[in-house]
């Protein structure tokens, strides 16, 4: 949490984070999500690599999936509206083995 606070204090336009919620207990993950929603500087973006899609899906504006050397990008609202499924279910559908 301290590292996140220090990073956000720089007021950058873009933040990159690789699995920031890995190996963290559920209550602290919830606190971190709340912290990010409250403290992200206006107009900035956070690119986050994560496997916690269910927990983060309502924080995400867009989803980018890297699968088999291709990147697919879609707005999360489009996933819910047009496909009627969760972000995690969409990810699983798009990355299933052929």
N, C-alpha and C. Protein backbone atom coordinates (compact mmCIF):
# COMPACT_ATOMS: atom_id res chain seq x y z
N UNK A 1 0.83 -1.19 0.00
CA UNK A 1 0.00 0.00 0.00
C UNK A 1 0.87 1.26 0.00
N UNK A 2 1.98 1.20 0.70
CA UNK A 2 2.88 2.35 0.74
C UNK A 2 3.46 2.62 -0.64
N UNK A 3 3.84 1.55 -1.35
CA UNK A 3 4.39 1.72 -2.70
C UNK A 3 3.35 2.35 -3.62
N UNK A 4 2.10 1.93 -3.51
CA UNK A 4 1.03 2.53 -4.32
C UNK A 4 0.87 4.00 -3.99
N UNK A 5 0.88 4.32 -2.71
CA UNK A 5 0.74 5.73 -2.29
C UNK A 5 1.87 6.58 -2.83
N UNK A 6 3.08 6.07 -2.74
CA UNK A 6 4.23 6.82 -3.25
C UNK A 6 4.15 6.98 -4.77
N UNK A 7 3.76 5.93 -5.45
CA UNK A 7 3.62 6.01 -6.90
C UNK A 7 2.58 7.02 -7.33
N UNK A 8 1.42 7.00 -6.68
CA UNK A 8 0.35 7.94 -7.03
C UNK A 8 0.69 9.37 -6.67
N UNK A 9 1.56 9.55 -5.70
CA UNK A 9 1.93 10.91 -5.29
C UNK A 9 2.73 11.64 -6.37
N UNK A 10 3.23 10.90 -7.34
CA UNK A 10 4.00 11.52 -8.43
C UNK A 10 3.10 12.24 -9.43
N UNK A 11 1.80 11.97 -9.40
CA UNK A 11 0.83 12.63 -10.29
C UNK A 11 1.19 12.43 -11.77
N UNK A 12 1.47 11.19 -12.13
CA UNK A 12 1.81 10.87 -13.52
C UNK A 12 0.53 10.71 -14.35
N UNK A 13 0.69 10.74 -15.65
CA UNK A 13 -0.44 10.52 -16.55
C UNK A 13 -0.71 9.04 -16.74
N UNK A 14 0.32 8.20 -16.56
CA UNK A 14 0.19 6.77 -16.79
C UNK A 14 0.92 6.01 -15.69
N UNK A 15 0.25 5.01 -15.13
CA UNK A 15 0.82 4.13 -14.12
C UNK A 15 0.78 2.72 -14.67
N UNK A 16 1.87 1.97 -14.50
CA UNK A 16 1.95 0.58 -14.92
C UNK A 16 2.13 -0.28 -13.68
N UNK A 17 1.35 -1.35 -13.59
CA UNK A 17 1.40 -2.19 -12.40
C UNK A 17 1.28 -3.65 -12.81
N UNK A 18 2.19 -4.47 -12.33
CA UNK A 18 2.20 -5.90 -12.65
C UNK A 18 1.77 -6.69 -11.42
N UNK A 19 0.56 -7.23 -11.47
CA UNK A 19 0.00 -8.06 -10.39
C UNK A 19 0.11 -7.39 -9.02
N UNK A 20 -0.45 -6.19 -8.86
CA UNK A 20 -0.33 -5.52 -7.56
C UNK A 20 -1.13 -6.18 -6.45
N UNK A 21 -2.08 -7.05 -6.79
CA UNK A 21 -2.91 -7.69 -5.77
C UNK A 21 -2.51 -9.13 -5.49
N UNK A 22 -1.45 -9.61 -6.15
CA UNK A 22 -1.01 -10.99 -5.95
C UNK A 22 -0.53 -11.20 -4.52
N UNK A 23 -0.89 -12.33 -3.96
CA UNK A 23 -0.46 -12.74 -2.61
C UNK A 23 -0.89 -11.77 -1.51
N UNK A 24 -1.99 -11.09 -1.73
CA UNK A 24 -2.51 -10.17 -0.72
C UNK A 24 -3.87 -10.69 -0.25
N UNK A 25 -4.09 -10.67 1.04
CA UNK A 25 -5.35 -11.18 1.59
C UNK A 25 -6.54 -10.37 1.08
N UNK A 26 -7.73 -10.99 1.01
CA UNK A 26 -8.90 -10.36 0.41
C UNK A 26 -9.27 -9.00 1.01
N UNK A 27 -9.20 -8.84 2.32
CA UNK A 27 -9.58 -7.55 2.92
C UNK A 27 -8.64 -6.44 2.45
N UNK A 28 -7.36 -6.71 2.40
CA UNK A 28 -6.41 -5.69 1.95
C UNK A 28 -6.59 -5.41 0.46
N UNK A 29 -6.92 -6.44 -0.35
CA UNK A 29 -7.19 -6.20 -1.77
C UNK A 29 -8.38 -5.25 -1.92
N UNK A 30 -9.42 -5.44 -1.10
CA UNK A 30 -10.58 -4.55 -1.13
C UNK A 30 -10.16 -3.13 -0.76
N UNK A 31 -9.33 -2.98 0.26
CA UNK A 31 -8.86 -1.65 0.66
C UNK A 31 -8.04 -0.99 -0.44
N UNK A 32 -7.24 -1.77 -1.13
CA UNK A 32 -6.43 -1.23 -2.22
C UNK A 32 -7.33 -0.77 -3.37
N UNK A 33 -8.35 -1.56 -3.70
CA UNK A 33 -9.30 -1.13 -4.76
C UNK A 33 -9.95 0.18 -4.39
N UNK A 34 -10.40 0.32 -3.16
CA UNK A 34 -11.02 1.57 -2.71
C UNK A 34 -10.03 2.72 -2.77
N UNK A 35 -8.80 2.46 -2.35
CA UNK A 35 -7.76 3.48 -2.38
C UNK A 35 -7.53 3.96 -3.80
N UNK A 36 -7.41 3.03 -4.74
CA UNK A 36 -7.18 3.41 -6.14
C UNK A 36 -8.33 4.25 -6.68
N UNK A 37 -9.55 3.86 -6.40
CA UNK A 37 -10.70 4.62 -6.88
C UNK A 37 -10.72 6.03 -6.30
N UNK A 38 -10.31 6.17 -5.08
CA UNK A 38 -10.35 7.47 -4.41
C UNK A 38 -9.14 8.34 -4.75
N UNK A 39 -7.99 7.74 -5.00
CA UNK A 39 -6.75 8.52 -5.07
C UNK A 39 -6.11 8.62 -6.45
N UNK A 40 -6.64 7.95 -7.44
CA UNK A 40 -6.05 8.08 -8.78
C UNK A 40 -6.20 9.53 -9.22
N UNK A 41 -5.13 10.14 -9.66
CA UNK A 41 -5.22 11.53 -10.14
C UNK A 41 -6.17 11.64 -11.34
N UNK A 42 -6.92 12.71 -11.37
CA UNK A 42 -7.86 12.98 -12.47
C UNK A 42 -7.11 12.99 -13.80
N UNK A 43 -7.65 12.29 -14.78
CA UNK A 43 -7.06 12.28 -16.11
C UNK A 43 -5.92 11.30 -16.29
N UNK A 44 -5.60 10.53 -15.26
CA UNK A 44 -4.51 9.56 -15.38
C UNK A 44 -5.07 8.18 -15.71
N UNK A 45 -4.20 7.31 -16.17
CA UNK A 45 -4.59 5.94 -16.53
C UNK A 45 -3.72 4.95 -15.78
N UNK A 46 -4.31 3.81 -15.48
CA UNK A 46 -3.60 2.72 -14.82
C UNK A 46 -3.69 1.49 -15.71
N UNK A 47 -2.55 0.98 -16.13
CA UNK A 47 -2.48 -0.27 -16.87
C UNK A 47 -2.03 -1.32 -15.87
N UNK A 48 -2.87 -2.33 -15.67
CA UNK A 48 -2.61 -3.31 -14.62
C UNK A 48 -2.67 -4.72 -15.20
N UNK A 49 -1.63 -5.49 -14.97
CA UNK A 49 -1.64 -6.91 -15.27
C UNK A 49 -2.22 -7.59 -14.04
N UNK A 50 -3.27 -8.42 -14.23
CA UNK A 50 -3.90 -9.04 -13.07
C UNK A 50 -4.62 -10.32 -13.45
N UNK A 51 -4.78 -11.18 -12.47
CA UNK A 51 -5.61 -12.36 -12.61
C UNK A 51 -6.84 -12.26 -11.70
N UNK A 52 -7.06 -11.10 -11.14
CA UNK A 52 -8.19 -10.85 -10.24
C UNK A 52 -9.29 -10.09 -10.97
N UNK A 53 -9.73 -10.60 -12.11
CA UNK A 53 -10.72 -9.90 -12.93
C UNK A 53 -12.06 -9.74 -12.23
N UNK A 54 -12.50 -10.77 -11.52
CA UNK A 54 -13.80 -10.65 -10.83
C UNK A 54 -13.80 -9.51 -9.83
N UNK A 55 -12.72 -9.34 -9.12
CA UNK A 55 -12.65 -8.29 -8.11
C UNK A 55 -12.50 -6.91 -8.73
N UNK A 56 -11.90 -6.82 -9.89
CA UNK A 56 -11.58 -5.52 -10.48
C UNK A 56 -12.50 -5.10 -11.62
N UNK A 57 -13.41 -5.97 -12.04
CA UNK A 57 -14.15 -5.69 -13.27
C UNK A 57 -14.94 -4.40 -13.24
N UNK A 58 -15.40 -3.94 -12.12
CA UNK A 58 -16.19 -2.71 -12.09
C UNK A 58 -15.31 -1.46 -11.95
N UNK A 59 -14.01 -1.66 -11.81
CA UNK A 59 -13.07 -0.54 -11.81
C UNK A 59 -12.53 -0.29 -13.21
N UNK A 60 -12.67 -1.27 -14.09
CA UNK A 60 -12.02 -1.22 -15.40
C UNK A 60 -12.89 -0.52 -16.43
N UNK A 61 -12.27 0.34 -17.20
CA UNK A 61 -12.95 0.95 -18.35
C UNK A 61 -12.76 0.08 -19.59
N UNK A 62 -11.59 -0.50 -19.70
CA UNK A 62 -11.27 -1.32 -20.86
C UNK A 62 -10.51 -2.56 -20.43
N UNK A 63 -10.61 -3.59 -21.24
CA UNK A 63 -9.89 -4.82 -21.02
C UNK A 63 -9.02 -5.08 -22.25
N UNK A 64 -7.77 -5.36 -22.03
CA UNK A 64 -6.87 -5.77 -23.11
C UNK A 64 -6.42 -7.19 -22.80
N UNK A 65 -6.62 -8.08 -23.76
CA UNK A 65 -6.26 -9.48 -23.58
C UNK A 65 -5.09 -9.81 -24.50
N UNK A 66 -4.01 -10.26 -23.90
CA UNK A 66 -2.87 -10.75 -24.67
C UNK A 66 -3.00 -12.26 -24.70
N UNK A 67 -3.20 -12.81 -25.91
CA UNK A 67 -3.40 -14.26 -26.04
C UNK A 67 -2.87 -14.70 -27.40
N UNK A 68 -1.99 -15.68 -27.36
CA UNK A 68 -1.42 -16.24 -28.59
C UNK A 68 -0.84 -15.17 -29.51
N UNK A 69 -0.05 -14.31 -28.93
CA UNK A 69 0.69 -13.27 -29.67
C UNK A 69 -0.20 -12.21 -30.30
N UNK A 70 -1.42 -12.08 -29.83
CA UNK A 70 -2.29 -11.00 -30.30
C UNK A 70 -2.86 -10.27 -29.09
N UNK A 71 -3.21 -9.03 -29.31
CA UNK A 71 -3.84 -8.23 -28.25
C UNK A 71 -5.22 -7.82 -28.73
N UNK A 72 -6.22 -8.09 -27.89
CA UNK A 72 -7.59 -7.65 -28.17
C UNK A 72 -8.00 -6.67 -27.08
N UNK A 73 -8.62 -5.59 -27.48
CA UNK A 73 -9.04 -4.55 -26.54
C UNK A 73 -10.54 -4.33 -26.70
N UNK A 74 -11.24 -4.18 -25.56
CA UNK A 74 -12.68 -3.97 -25.58
C UNK A 74 -13.07 -3.19 -24.33
N UNK A 75 -14.07 -2.35 -24.44
CA UNK A 75 -14.58 -1.63 -23.28
C UNK A 75 -15.38 -2.60 -22.41
N UNK A 76 -15.22 -2.47 -21.10
CA UNK A 76 -15.91 -3.39 -20.20
C UNK A 76 -17.43 -3.21 -20.26
N UNK A 77 -17.88 -2.01 -20.49
CA UNK A 77 -19.32 -1.79 -20.62
C UNK A 77 -19.88 -2.53 -21.83
N UNK A 78 -19.12 -2.60 -22.90
CA UNK A 78 -19.53 -3.36 -24.09
C UNK A 78 -19.66 -4.84 -23.76
N UNK A 79 -18.74 -5.36 -22.97
CA UNK A 79 -18.81 -6.76 -22.57
C UNK A 79 -20.12 -7.03 -21.84
N UNK A 80 -20.44 -6.18 -20.87
CA UNK A 80 -21.66 -6.39 -20.08
C UNK A 80 -22.92 -6.16 -20.91
N UNK A 81 -22.93 -5.12 -21.74
CA UNK A 81 -24.12 -4.76 -22.49
C UNK A 81 -24.37 -5.71 -23.68
N UNK A 82 -23.36 -5.95 -24.47
CA UNK A 82 -23.54 -6.74 -25.70
C UNK A 82 -23.44 -8.24 -25.49
N UNK A 83 -22.63 -8.66 -24.55
CA UNK A 83 -22.44 -10.10 -24.32
C UNK A 83 -23.22 -10.59 -23.09
N UNK A 84 -23.56 -9.68 -22.20
CA UNK A 84 -24.33 -10.04 -21.01
C UNK A 84 -23.59 -10.96 -20.06
N UNK A 85 -22.26 -10.85 -20.03
CA UNK A 85 -21.46 -11.68 -19.14
C UNK A 85 -20.45 -10.82 -18.39
N UNK A 86 -19.84 -11.42 -17.39
CA UNK A 86 -18.83 -10.69 -16.62
C UNK A 86 -17.55 -10.55 -17.43
N UNK A 87 -16.70 -9.65 -16.99
CA UNK A 87 -15.41 -9.45 -17.64
C UNK A 87 -14.58 -10.73 -17.56
N UNK A 88 -14.62 -11.39 -16.42
CA UNK A 88 -13.87 -12.64 -16.27
C UNK A 88 -14.40 -13.71 -17.22
N UNK A 89 -15.71 -13.85 -17.34
CA UNK A 89 -16.28 -14.84 -18.25
C UNK A 89 -15.91 -14.53 -19.70
N UNK A 90 -15.89 -13.25 -20.05
CA UNK A 90 -15.46 -12.86 -21.40
C UNK A 90 -14.01 -13.26 -21.62
N UNK A 91 -13.15 -12.97 -20.65
CA UNK A 91 -11.74 -13.34 -20.75
C UNK A 91 -11.60 -14.85 -20.95
N UNK A 92 -12.33 -15.64 -20.15
CA UNK A 92 -12.25 -17.08 -20.27
C UNK A 92 -12.74 -17.57 -21.63
N UNK A 93 -13.80 -16.96 -22.13
CA UNK A 93 -14.34 -17.31 -23.44
C UNK A 93 -13.33 -17.00 -24.54
N UNK A 94 -12.70 -15.87 -24.46
CA UNK A 94 -11.76 -15.44 -25.50
C UNK A 94 -10.41 -16.17 -25.46
N UNK A 95 -10.08 -16.77 -24.32
CA UNK A 95 -8.78 -17.41 -24.20
C UNK A 95 -8.86 -18.93 -24.06
N UNK A 96 -10.05 -19.48 -24.27
CA UNK A 96 -10.19 -20.94 -24.13
C UNK A 96 -9.34 -21.63 -25.20
N UNK A 97 -8.93 -22.82 -24.87
CA UNK A 97 -8.13 -23.61 -25.81
C UNK A 97 -9.00 -24.06 -26.96
N UNK A 98 -8.48 -23.96 -28.16
CA UNK A 98 -9.21 -24.38 -29.36
C UNK A 98 -9.27 -25.88 -29.49
